[in-house]
Structures are given as structure tokens and as C-alpha cells.
C-alpha atoms as a PDB file:
ATOM      1  CA  UNK A   1     118.014 109.158  77.373  1.00  0.00           C
ATOM      2  CA  UNK A   2     114.350 110.046  77.875  1.00  0.00           C
ATOM      3  CA  UNK A   3     112.867 111.182  81.168  1.00  0.00           C
ATOM      4  CA  UNK A   4     109.129 111.228  81.909  1.00  0.00           C
ATOM      5  CA  UNK A   5     106.807 112.234  84.728  1.00  0.00           C
ATOM      6  CA  UNK A   6     103.058 111.909  85.394  1.00  0.00           C
ATOM      7  CA  UNK A   7     101.015 115.133  85.453  1.00  0.00           C
ATOM      8  CA  UNK A   8      97.313 116.008  85.671  1.00  0.00           C
ATOM      9  CA  UNK A   9      97.028 118.963  83.297  1.00  0.00           C
ATOM     10  CA  UNK A  10      98.311 119.549  79.791  1.00  0.00           C
ATOM     11  CA  UNK A  11     100.789 122.277  80.702  1.00  0.00           C
ATOM     12  CA  UNK A  12     104.555 122.571  80.590  1.00  0.00           C
ATOM     13  CA  UNK A  13     104.312 124.266  83.977  1.00  0.00           C
ATOM     14  CA  UNK A  14     102.155 121.516  85.537  1.00  0.00           C
ATOM     15  CA  UNK A  15     102.939 120.128  88.984  1.00  0.00           C
ATOM     16  CA  UNK A  16     103.945 116.480  89.156  1.00  0.00           C
ATOM     17  CA  UNK A  17     101.125 114.083  89.920  1.00  0.00           C
ATOM     18  CA  UNK A  18     101.112 111.534  92.711  1.00  0.00           C
ATOM     19  CA  UNK A  19      98.677 109.394  90.657  1.00  0.00           C
ATOM     20  CA  UNK A  20     101.345 107.422  88.805  1.00  0.00           C
ATOM     21  CA  UNK A  21      99.323 104.934  86.755  1.00  0.00           C
ATOM     22  CA  UNK A  22      96.156 107.000  86.589  1.00  0.00           C
ATOM     23  CA  UNK A  23      97.674 110.391  85.766  1.00  0.00           C
ATOM     24  CA  UNK A  24      95.846 112.170  82.961  1.00  0.00           C
ATOM     25  CA  UNK A  25      99.066 113.048  81.096  1.00  0.00           C
ATOM     26  CA  UNK A  26     102.772 112.293  80.948  1.00  0.00           C
ATOM     27  CA  UNK A  27     105.474 114.831  80.156  1.00  0.00           C
ATOM     28  CA  UNK A  28     108.495 113.563  78.203  1.00  0.00           C
ATOM     29  CA  UNK A  29     111.878 115.214  77.724  1.00  0.00           C
ATOM     30  CA  UNK A  30     114.618 113.897  75.445  1.00  0.00           C
ATOM     31  CA  UNK A  31     117.190 116.643  75.907  1.00  0.00           C
ATOM     32  CA  UNK A  32     115.718 118.886  73.235  1.00  0.00           C
ATOM     33  CA  UNK A  33     111.959 118.524  73.154  1.00  0.00           C
ATOM     34  CA  UNK A  34     109.467 118.672  75.999  1.00  0.00           C
ATOM     35  CA  UNK A  35     106.196 117.037  74.987  1.00  0.00           C
ATOM     36  CA  UNK A  36     103.022 116.190  76.841  1.00  0.00           C
ATOM     37  CA  UNK A  37     100.885 113.218  75.894  1.00  0.00           C
ATOM     38  CA  UNK A  38      97.522 111.967  77.105  1.00  0.00           C
ATOM     39  CA  UNK A  39      97.746 108.781  79.182  1.00  0.00           C
ATOM     40  CA  UNK A  40      95.260 106.332  77.684  1.00  0.00           C
ATOM     41  CA  UNK A  41      96.519 103.537  79.953  1.00  0.00           C
ATOM     42  CA  UNK A  42      95.230 102.764  83.397  1.00  0.00           C
ATOM     43  CA  UNK A  43      98.450 101.578  84.942  1.00  0.00           C
ATOM     44  CA  UNK A  44      99.889  98.101  84.812  1.00  0.00           C
ATOM     45  CA  UNK A  45     101.398  96.377  81.816  1.00  0.00           C
ATOM     46  CA  UNK A  46      99.894  98.705  79.203  1.00  0.00           C
ATOM     47  CA  UNK A  47     101.480 101.754  80.859  1.00  0.00           C
ATOM     48  CA  UNK A  48     104.848 100.019  81.078  1.00  0.00           C
ATOM     49  CA  UNK A  49     104.625  98.954  77.423  1.00  0.00           C
ATOM     50  CA  UNK A  50     103.808 102.537  76.393  1.00  0.00           C
ATOM     51  CA  UNK A  51     106.749 103.976  78.362  1.00  0.00           C
ATOM     52  CA  UNK A  52     109.092 101.349  76.937  1.00  0.00           C
ATOM     53  CA  UNK A  53     107.829 102.073  73.419  1.00  0.00           C
ATOM     54  CA  UNK A  54     108.655 105.740  74.013  1.00  0.00           C
ATOM     55  CA  UNK A  55     112.209 104.745  75.059  1.00  0.00           C
ATOM     56  CA  UNK A  56     111.905 106.007  78.645  1.00  0.00           C
ATOM     57  CA  UNK A  57     115.036 105.437  80.712  1.00  0.00           C
ATOM     58  CA  UNK A  58     114.214 107.634  83.738  1.00  0.00           C
ATOM     59  CA  UNK A  59     110.970 108.128  85.613  1.00  0.00           C
ATOM     60  CA  UNK A  60     110.576 111.227  87.788  1.00  0.00           C
ATOM     61  CA  UNK A  61     108.087 110.615  90.594  1.00  0.00           C
ATOM     62  CA  UNK A  62     106.607 112.847  93.238  1.00  0.00           C
ATOM     63  CA  UNK A  63     106.083 109.811  95.481  1.00  0.00           C
ATOM     64  CA  UNK A  64     107.296 106.224  95.393  1.00  0.00           C
ATOM     65  CA  UNK A  65     104.925 103.335  94.869  1.00  0.00           C
ATOM     66  CA  UNK A  66     105.063  99.570  94.632  1.00  0.00           C
ATOM     67  CA  UNK A  67     104.674  99.342  90.841  1.00  0.00           C
ATOM     68  CA  UNK A  68     107.437 101.787  89.859  1.00  0.00           C
ATOM     69  CA  UNK A  69     109.802 100.054  92.281  1.00  0.00           C
ATOM     70  CA  UNK A  70     109.098  96.731  90.591  1.00  0.00           C
ATOM     71  CA  UNK A  71     109.736  98.279  87.178  1.00  0.00           C
ATOM     72  CA  UNK A  72     113.081  99.591  88.363  1.00  0.00           C
ATOM     73  CA  UNK A  73     114.154  96.045  89.131  1.00  0.00           C
ATOM     74  CA  UNK A  74     112.561  94.298  86.156  1.00  0.00           C
ATOM     75  CA  UNK A  75     112.906  96.840  83.357  1.00  0.00           C
ATOM     76  CA  UNK A  76     115.979  98.856  84.295  1.00  0.00           C
ATOM     77  CA  UNK A  77     114.094 102.150  84.519  1.00  0.00           C
ATOM     78  CA  UNK A  78     115.797 104.592  86.877  1.00  0.00           C
ATOM     79  CA  UNK A  79     113.513 106.224  89.447  1.00  0.00           C
ATOM     80  CA  UNK A  80     114.156 109.849  90.334  1.00  0.00           C
ATOM     81  CA  UNK A  81     112.702 112.023  93.070  1.00  0.00           C
ATOM     82  CA  UNK A  82     112.778 115.828  92.985  1.00  0.00           C
ATOM     83  CA  UNK A  83     114.173 117.702  95.961  1.00  0.00           C
ATOM     84  CA  UNK A  84     111.710 120.550  95.676  1.00  0.00           C
ATOM     85  CA  UNK A  85     108.566 120.623  97.856  1.00  0.00           C
ATOM     86  CA  UNK A  86     106.187 121.242  94.932  1.00  0.00           C
ATOM     87  CA  UNK A  87     107.936 119.899  91.824  1.00  0.00           C
ATOM     88  CA  UNK A  88     106.824 120.932  88.350  1.00  0.00           C
ATOM     89  CA  UNK A  89     107.530 119.717  84.841  1.00  0.00           C
ATOM     90  CA  UNK A  90     110.290 122.303  84.377  1.00  0.00           C
ATOM     91  CA  UNK A  91     112.204 120.649  87.244  1.00  0.00           C
ATOM     92  CA  UNK A  92     112.377 117.548  85.065  1.00  0.00           C
ATOM     93  CA  UNK A  93     114.374 119.455  82.445  1.00  0.00           C
ATOM     94  CA  UNK A  94     116.944 120.571  85.027  1.00  0.00           C
ATOM     95  CA  UNK A  95     117.199 117.048  86.457  1.00  0.00           C
ATOM     96  CA  UNK A  96     117.772 115.653  82.966  1.00  0.00           C
ATOM     97  CA  UNK A  97     120.819 117.834  82.429  1.00  0.00           C
ATOM     98  CA  UNK A  98     122.175 117.067  85.915  1.00  0.00           C
ATOM     99  CA  UNK A  99     122.003 113.349  85.112  1.00  0.00           C
ATOM    100  CA  UNK A 100     123.596 113.908  81.733  1.00  0.00           C
ATOM    101  CA  UNK A 101     126.481 115.883  83.219  1.00  0.00           C
ATOM    102  CA  UNK A 102     127.132 113.200  85.832  1.00  0.00           C
ATOM    103  CA  UNK A 103     127.180 110.380  83.291  1.00  0.00           C
ATOM    104  CA  UNK A 104     129.425 112.264  80.861  1.00  0.00           C
ATOM    105  CA  UNK A 105     131.918 112.961  83.653  1.00  0.00           C
ATOM    106  CA  UNK A 106     132.376 109.232  84.275  1.00  0.00           C
ATOM    107  CA  UNK A 107     134.317 108.678  81.061  1.00  0.00           C
END
């Protein structure tokens, strides 16, 4: 399971961005490593291909938009929304482990 979120600055303490396709960076967390990568895509199919190539299963968004909703239906990417008023990258790590604990309790 890999979770990602768009951010505007290259910082592990960055706030989440509301510019989904045009965010400057994306933070990725796989359960062990938190990495930040430059977004060279400008939304659309190239962004989706990049996220799929990275193995993203969950997308943490500050706000919902039309494109991510379509991806949820077409690509089976789960959309997540933080419950904090000013979410940051570190919230993504906590959300990851909450998801993991819920899925492991199902079996």
C-alpha cells in the first residue's frame, strides 16, 4: 500500500496542496519511507500514469475535484480526506497506519 498527497514545498512538514494536478511536489509513504518527489506532470493522463507507476493505492486530498473522483472509479485509487483543518504531510503517515490497522482487523 502506498499513499500520496500533493504539496507545494519540498518539506516533510509541508501543508497539503489544493492544487492537485499542478502541485509542485508529491509526498509518498509506503509504511517505512516518506519521500518527496518533484511533479513534472501537469495533471491529466501523465500524472495518473506516474502515480500508477509508483504503485499508489491511496490519494490524500485537501479538497475533492472532478479528476480524482474519476480516477477513483476508473483506476481503483482510494480517495482520503484529512479531518484536520490545516493538514500536513505528517498527517498522511498517521492516516496510513489507521488504514492498515482497519484492513488487518478484517481478517
